[in-house]
N, C-alpha and C. Protein backbone atom coordinates (compact mmCIF):
# COMPACT_ATOMS: atom_id res chain seq x y z
N UNK A 1 169.43 85.13 80.55
CA UNK A 1 168.93 85.22 81.90
C UNK A 1 169.88 84.50 82.85
N UNK A 2 170.25 85.17 83.92
CA UNK A 2 171.12 84.60 84.94
C UNK A 2 170.29 83.76 85.89
N UNK A 3 170.77 82.57 86.22
CA UNK A 3 170.01 81.71 87.11
C UNK A 3 170.83 81.36 88.35
N UNK A 4 170.12 81.18 89.43
CA UNK A 4 170.73 80.73 90.67
C UNK A 4 170.48 79.23 90.78
N UNK A 5 171.54 78.47 90.88
CA UNK A 5 171.42 77.02 91.03
C UNK A 5 171.45 76.65 92.51
N UNK A 6 171.04 75.45 92.80
CA UNK A 6 171.10 74.95 94.17
C UNK A 6 172.55 74.96 94.65
N UNK A 7 173.47 74.51 93.81
CA UNK A 7 174.89 74.52 94.19
C UNK A 7 175.40 75.94 94.41
N UNK A 8 175.01 76.86 93.56
CA UNK A 8 175.40 78.26 93.71
C UNK A 8 174.85 78.86 95.00
N UNK A 9 173.62 78.50 95.33
CA UNK A 9 173.02 78.96 96.58
C UNK A 9 173.79 78.42 97.77
N UNK A 10 174.10 77.12 97.74
CA UNK A 10 174.81 76.50 98.86
C UNK A 10 176.25 77.04 98.99
N UNK A 11 176.85 77.43 97.89
CA UNK A 11 178.18 78.05 97.95
C UNK A 11 178.10 79.38 98.67
N UNK A 12 177.06 80.15 98.38
CA UNK A 12 176.88 81.46 99.00
C UNK A 12 176.43 81.34 100.47
N UNK A 13 175.59 80.35 100.74
CA UNK A 13 175.06 80.14 102.09
C UNK A 13 175.29 78.68 102.50
N UNK A 14 176.53 78.34 102.89
CA UNK A 14 176.87 76.94 103.20
C UNK A 14 176.16 76.39 104.44
N UNK A 15 175.54 77.24 105.22
CA UNK A 15 174.81 76.73 106.39
C UNK A 15 173.57 75.92 106.00
N UNK A 16 173.10 76.07 104.75
CA UNK A 16 171.96 75.31 104.27
C UNK A 16 172.44 74.04 103.56
N UNK A 17 173.10 73.18 104.32
CA UNK A 17 173.62 71.93 103.79
C UNK A 17 172.46 71.02 103.39
N UNK A 18 172.78 69.95 102.68
CA UNK A 18 171.75 68.98 102.29
C UNK A 18 171.11 68.34 103.51
N UNK A 19 171.82 68.30 104.63
CA UNK A 19 171.26 67.76 105.86
C UNK A 19 170.22 68.70 106.48
N UNK A 20 170.34 69.98 106.18
CA UNK A 20 169.41 70.99 106.71
C UNK A 20 168.21 71.16 105.78
N UNK A 21 168.49 71.24 104.48
CA UNK A 21 167.44 71.45 103.48
C UNK A 21 167.78 70.63 102.24
N UNK A 22 166.82 69.88 101.74
CA UNK A 22 167.05 69.07 100.55
C UNK A 22 167.20 69.97 99.32
N UNK A 23 167.77 69.41 98.26
CA UNK A 23 167.88 70.15 97.00
C UNK A 23 166.51 70.63 96.55
N UNK A 24 165.50 69.78 96.71
CA UNK A 24 164.14 70.15 96.31
C UNK A 24 163.61 71.33 97.10
N UNK A 25 163.87 71.36 98.40
CA UNK A 25 163.43 72.49 99.23
C UNK A 25 164.12 73.77 98.80
N UNK A 26 165.43 73.68 98.54
CA UNK A 26 166.17 74.87 98.11
C UNK A 26 165.61 75.35 96.76
N UNK A 27 165.41 74.44 95.82
CA UNK A 27 164.93 74.82 94.49
C UNK A 27 163.55 75.47 94.54
N UNK A 28 162.66 74.93 95.36
CA UNK A 28 161.31 75.52 95.49
C UNK A 28 161.42 76.95 96.00
N UNK A 29 162.30 77.20 96.94
CA UNK A 29 162.44 78.55 97.48
C UNK A 29 163.14 79.49 96.51
N UNK A 30 164.06 78.96 95.69
CA UNK A 30 164.63 79.77 94.61
C UNK A 30 163.51 80.17 93.65
N UNK A 31 162.70 79.18 93.25
CA UNK A 31 161.59 79.44 92.33
C UNK A 31 160.61 80.46 92.91
N UNK A 32 160.35 80.38 94.21
CA UNK A 32 159.44 81.33 94.86
C UNK A 32 160.02 82.74 94.87
N UNK A 33 161.34 82.86 94.99
CA UNK A 33 161.98 84.17 95.08
C UNK A 33 162.13 84.86 93.72
N UNK A 34 162.24 84.09 92.64
CA UNK A 34 162.49 84.67 91.31
C UNK A 34 161.52 85.79 90.93
N UNK A 35 160.20 85.64 91.11
CA UNK A 35 159.29 86.71 90.69
C UNK A 35 159.42 88.01 91.49
N UNK A 36 160.11 87.98 92.59
CA UNK A 36 160.25 89.16 93.43
C UNK A 36 161.30 90.14 92.93
N UNK A 37 162.14 89.71 92.00
CA UNK A 37 163.24 90.54 91.53
C UNK A 37 163.23 90.63 90.01
N UNK A 38 163.61 91.77 89.50
CA UNK A 38 163.81 91.94 88.07
C UNK A 38 165.31 91.99 87.82
N UNK A 39 165.79 91.05 87.02
CA UNK A 39 167.22 91.02 86.73
C UNK A 39 167.68 92.33 86.10
N UNK A 40 166.84 92.88 85.26
CA UNK A 40 167.18 94.15 84.61
C UNK A 40 167.34 95.27 85.64
N UNK A 41 166.45 95.34 86.58
CA UNK A 41 166.48 96.39 87.59
C UNK A 41 167.59 96.17 88.62
N UNK A 42 167.78 94.90 89.03
CA UNK A 42 168.76 94.60 90.06
C UNK A 42 170.19 94.57 89.52
N UNK A 43 170.35 94.37 88.22
CA UNK A 43 171.67 94.39 87.61
C UNK A 43 172.66 93.47 88.30
N UNK A 44 173.82 94.01 88.66
CA UNK A 44 174.89 93.19 89.24
C UNK A 44 174.56 92.67 90.63
N UNK A 45 173.49 93.18 91.25
CA UNK A 45 173.07 92.70 92.58
C UNK A 45 172.06 91.57 92.49
N UNK A 46 171.68 91.16 91.27
CA UNK A 46 170.59 90.20 91.09
C UNK A 46 170.82 88.88 91.81
N UNK A 47 171.94 88.23 91.54
CA UNK A 47 172.19 86.92 92.16
C UNK A 47 172.31 87.01 93.68
N UNK A 48 172.94 88.08 94.16
CA UNK A 48 173.04 88.26 95.61
C UNK A 48 171.66 88.45 96.23
N UNK A 49 170.84 89.27 95.60
CA UNK A 49 169.50 89.52 96.10
C UNK A 49 168.63 88.28 96.05
N UNK A 50 168.73 87.55 94.95
CA UNK A 50 167.95 86.33 94.79
C UNK A 50 168.36 85.29 95.84
N UNK A 51 169.65 85.15 96.08
CA UNK A 51 170.14 84.20 97.08
C UNK A 51 169.71 84.62 98.48
N UNK A 52 169.79 85.90 98.79
CA UNK A 52 169.40 86.37 100.12
C UNK A 52 167.90 86.16 100.36
N UNK A 53 167.08 86.47 99.37
CA UNK A 53 165.64 86.27 99.53
C UNK A 53 165.31 84.79 99.61
N UNK A 54 165.99 83.98 98.83
CA UNK A 54 165.80 82.53 98.91
C UNK A 54 166.15 82.03 100.30
N UNK A 55 167.26 82.48 100.85
CA UNK A 55 167.67 82.06 102.19
C UNK A 55 166.64 82.50 103.23
N UNK A 56 166.09 83.70 103.07
CA UNK A 56 165.07 84.18 104.00
C UNK A 56 163.82 83.30 103.91
N UNK A 57 163.38 83.02 102.70
CA UNK A 57 162.22 82.14 102.51
C UNK A 57 162.48 80.75 103.09
N UNK A 58 163.66 80.22 102.80
CA UNK A 58 164.01 78.87 103.25
C UNK A 58 164.09 78.81 104.77
N UNK A 59 164.69 79.80 105.38
CA UNK A 59 164.76 79.85 106.84
C UNK A 59 163.36 79.83 107.44
N UNK A 60 162.45 80.60 106.88
CA UNK A 60 161.08 80.61 107.36
C UNK A 60 160.38 79.28 107.15
N UNK A 61 160.60 78.67 106.00
CA UNK A 61 159.97 77.38 105.70
C UNK A 61 160.48 76.29 106.65
N UNK A 62 161.78 76.31 106.92
CA UNK A 62 162.35 75.31 107.83
C UNK A 62 161.85 75.52 109.26
N UNK A 63 161.73 76.79 109.68
CA UNK A 63 161.21 77.08 111.02
C UNK A 63 159.76 76.63 111.13
N UNK A 64 158.99 76.87 110.10
CA UNK A 64 157.58 76.46 110.09
C UNK A 64 157.46 74.95 110.17
N UNK A 65 158.35 74.26 109.50
CA UNK A 65 158.36 72.80 109.53
C UNK A 65 158.68 72.23 110.91
N UNK A 66 159.37 73.04 111.73
CA UNK A 66 159.69 72.62 113.09
C UNK A 66 158.62 73.08 114.08
N UNK A 67 157.52 73.65 113.56
CA UNK A 67 156.44 74.09 114.43
C UNK A 67 156.64 75.46 115.02
N UNK A 68 157.63 76.20 114.52
CA UNK A 68 157.84 77.56 115.01
C UNK A 68 156.91 78.49 114.26
N UNK A 69 156.52 79.56 114.91
CA UNK A 69 155.49 80.43 114.34
C UNK A 69 155.96 81.31 113.20
N UNK A 70 157.25 81.52 113.07
CA UNK A 70 157.74 82.36 111.99
C UNK A 70 158.21 83.70 112.49
N UNK A 71 158.21 84.69 111.61
CA UNK A 71 158.76 86.01 111.89
C UNK A 71 157.98 86.75 112.96
N UNK A 72 158.72 87.37 113.87
CA UNK A 72 158.10 88.19 114.90
C UNK A 72 158.76 89.55 114.98
N UNK A 73 159.64 89.86 114.05
CA UNK A 73 160.38 91.11 114.08
C UNK A 73 161.83 90.84 114.42
N UNK A 74 162.66 91.83 114.18
CA UNK A 74 164.08 91.69 114.46
C UNK A 74 164.32 91.63 115.96
N UNK A 75 165.16 90.69 116.40
CA UNK A 75 165.49 90.57 117.81
C UNK A 75 166.51 91.63 118.16
N UNK A 76 166.21 92.45 119.19
CA UNK A 76 167.14 93.51 119.60
C UNK A 76 167.92 93.15 120.84
N UNK A 77 167.43 92.17 121.64
CA UNK A 77 168.19 91.69 122.78
C UNK A 77 167.74 90.29 123.15
N UNK A 78 168.65 89.57 123.82
CA UNK A 78 168.38 88.20 124.26
C UNK A 78 168.84 88.07 125.70
N UNK A 79 168.31 87.11 126.40
CA UNK A 79 168.74 86.81 127.76
C UNK A 79 168.64 85.31 127.94
N UNK A 80 169.67 84.67 128.47
CA UNK A 80 169.67 83.21 128.60
C UNK A 80 168.90 82.74 129.83
N UNK A 81 169.16 83.31 130.99
CA UNK A 81 168.46 82.90 132.20
C UNK A 81 167.01 83.37 132.17
N UNK A 82 166.10 82.47 132.36
CA UNK A 82 164.65 82.75 132.28
C UNK A 82 164.24 83.25 130.90
N UNK A 83 164.95 82.89 129.90
CA UNK A 83 164.70 83.18 128.48
C UNK A 83 163.87 84.45 128.23
N UNK A 84 164.50 85.43 127.70
CA UNK A 84 163.83 86.69 127.38
C UNK A 84 164.32 87.18 126.03
N UNK A 85 163.42 87.54 125.15
CA UNK A 85 163.75 88.13 123.86
C UNK A 85 163.03 89.47 123.74
N UNK A 86 163.69 90.43 123.14
CA UNK A 86 163.06 91.71 122.87
C UNK A 86 163.08 91.93 121.36
N UNK A 87 161.94 92.26 120.80
CA UNK A 87 161.83 92.47 119.37
C UNK A 87 161.72 93.95 119.06
N UNK A 88 162.27 94.34 117.92
CA UNK A 88 162.20 95.72 117.48
C UNK A 88 160.79 96.06 117.04
N UNK A 89 160.37 97.26 117.36
CA UNK A 89 159.07 97.74 116.88
C UNK A 89 159.25 98.18 115.43
N UNK A 90 158.25 97.95 114.58
CA UNK A 90 158.36 98.38 113.19
C UNK A 90 158.53 99.89 113.09
N UNK A 91 159.39 100.30 112.19
CA UNK A 91 159.58 101.72 111.92
C UNK A 91 158.38 102.19 111.10
N UNK A 92 157.89 103.36 111.42
CA UNK A 92 156.74 103.89 110.71
C UNK A 92 157.02 103.94 109.21
N UNK A 93 156.05 103.49 108.44
CA UNK A 93 156.19 103.54 106.98
C UNK A 93 156.87 102.33 106.37
N UNK A 94 157.30 101.38 107.21
CA UNK A 94 158.00 100.22 106.67
C UNK A 94 157.33 98.91 107.05
N UNK A 95 156.07 98.94 107.41
CA UNK A 95 155.38 97.74 107.88
C UNK A 95 155.47 96.59 106.88
N UNK A 96 155.51 96.91 105.59
CA UNK A 96 155.60 95.87 104.57
C UNK A 96 156.94 95.13 104.60
N UNK A 97 157.96 95.75 105.17
CA UNK A 97 159.29 95.14 105.18
C UNK A 97 159.67 94.51 106.51
N UNK A 98 158.82 94.61 107.53
CA UNK A 98 159.16 94.08 108.85
C UNK A 98 159.46 92.59 108.77
N UNK A 99 158.68 91.85 108.00
CA UNK A 99 158.90 90.40 107.90
C UNK A 99 160.26 90.09 107.28
N UNK A 100 160.76 90.97 106.43
CA UNK A 100 162.09 90.75 105.86
C UNK A 100 163.19 91.02 106.89
N UNK A 101 162.96 91.99 107.74
CA UNK A 101 163.97 92.36 108.74
C UNK A 101 164.09 91.32 109.85
N UNK A 102 163.25 90.31 109.83
CA UNK A 102 163.26 89.31 110.90
C UNK A 102 164.39 88.29 110.77
N UNK A 103 165.13 88.33 109.67
CA UNK A 103 166.29 87.43 109.53
C UNK A 103 167.46 88.22 108.94
N UNK A 104 168.66 87.72 109.18
CA UNK A 104 169.84 88.36 108.59
C UNK A 104 169.78 88.31 107.07
N UNK A 105 169.19 87.25 106.53
CA UNK A 105 169.07 87.11 105.08
C UNK A 105 168.12 88.17 104.52
N UNK A 106 167.01 88.37 105.20
CA UNK A 106 166.06 89.40 104.78
C UNK A 106 166.66 90.79 104.89
N UNK A 107 167.45 91.01 105.94
CA UNK A 107 168.10 92.31 106.10
C UNK A 107 169.10 92.55 104.97
N UNK A 108 169.81 91.50 104.60
CA UNK A 108 170.74 91.63 103.47
C UNK A 108 169.98 91.94 102.19
N UNK A 109 168.84 91.25 101.98
CA UNK A 109 168.00 91.52 100.82
C UNK A 109 167.57 92.99 100.80
N UNK A 110 167.13 93.51 101.93
CA UNK A 110 166.69 94.91 101.99
C UNK A 110 167.83 95.87 101.66
N UNK A 111 169.03 95.58 102.17
CA UNK A 111 170.19 96.43 101.88
C UNK A 111 170.52 96.39 100.39
N UNK A 112 170.49 95.20 99.82
CA UNK A 112 170.75 95.07 98.37
C UNK A 112 169.67 95.75 97.55
N UNK A 113 168.41 95.64 98.01
CA UNK A 113 167.31 96.28 97.29
C UNK A 113 167.50 97.80 97.27
N UNK A 114 167.97 98.35 98.39
CA UNK A 114 168.23 99.80 98.40
C UNK A 114 169.32 100.16 97.39
N UNK A 115 170.38 99.34 97.33
CA UNK A 115 171.45 99.60 96.37
C UNK A 115 170.96 99.47 94.93
N UNK A 116 170.21 98.41 94.67
CA UNK A 116 169.70 98.18 93.32
C UNK A 116 168.70 99.24 92.91
N UNK A 117 167.97 99.77 93.87
CA UNK A 117 166.94 100.76 93.57
C UNK A 117 167.47 102.16 93.36
N UNK A 118 168.72 102.38 93.72
CA UNK A 118 169.28 103.72 93.57
C UNK A 118 169.41 104.12 92.11
N UNK A 119 169.90 103.21 91.31
CA UNK A 119 170.05 103.54 89.89
C UNK A 119 171.01 104.68 89.68
N UNK A 120 171.12 105.09 88.45
CA UNK A 120 172.02 106.19 88.10
C UNK A 120 171.26 107.50 88.13
N UNK A 121 171.91 108.51 88.65
CA UNK A 121 171.33 109.85 88.65
C UNK A 121 171.94 110.63 87.50
N UNK A 122 171.10 111.16 86.64
CA UNK A 122 171.58 111.90 85.47
C UNK A 122 171.00 113.31 85.51
N UNK A 123 171.88 114.28 85.45
CA UNK A 123 171.43 115.68 85.44
C UNK A 123 171.15 116.11 84.01
N UNK A 124 170.08 116.86 83.81
CA UNK A 124 169.76 117.30 82.43
C UNK A 124 170.76 118.29 81.89
């Protein structure tokens, strides 16, 4: 079984330094992400997918710890003066994935999931 370590996670996502998230916080989010992926199914994308989902979980946990409400959808535009944000409306049929699309890490996870889910096509 391939495992993602805290050091391996930080190598892939150096923005999550020890000053931003403790080793314990990173490990808890790795542990939370593990059941979401099957190493057999994800194959060579497993560690990338696990790290991306961990980063998405960790980003949400850190935002929650700062009193932020969490995911509101992907931001499609920003404005500095008088602060304005525009969020993307969920695409029909993908409501279950909207929360993942709310971060770059979740978007990467979704892209990897599509690749991992393709599998090999074999003609009879």
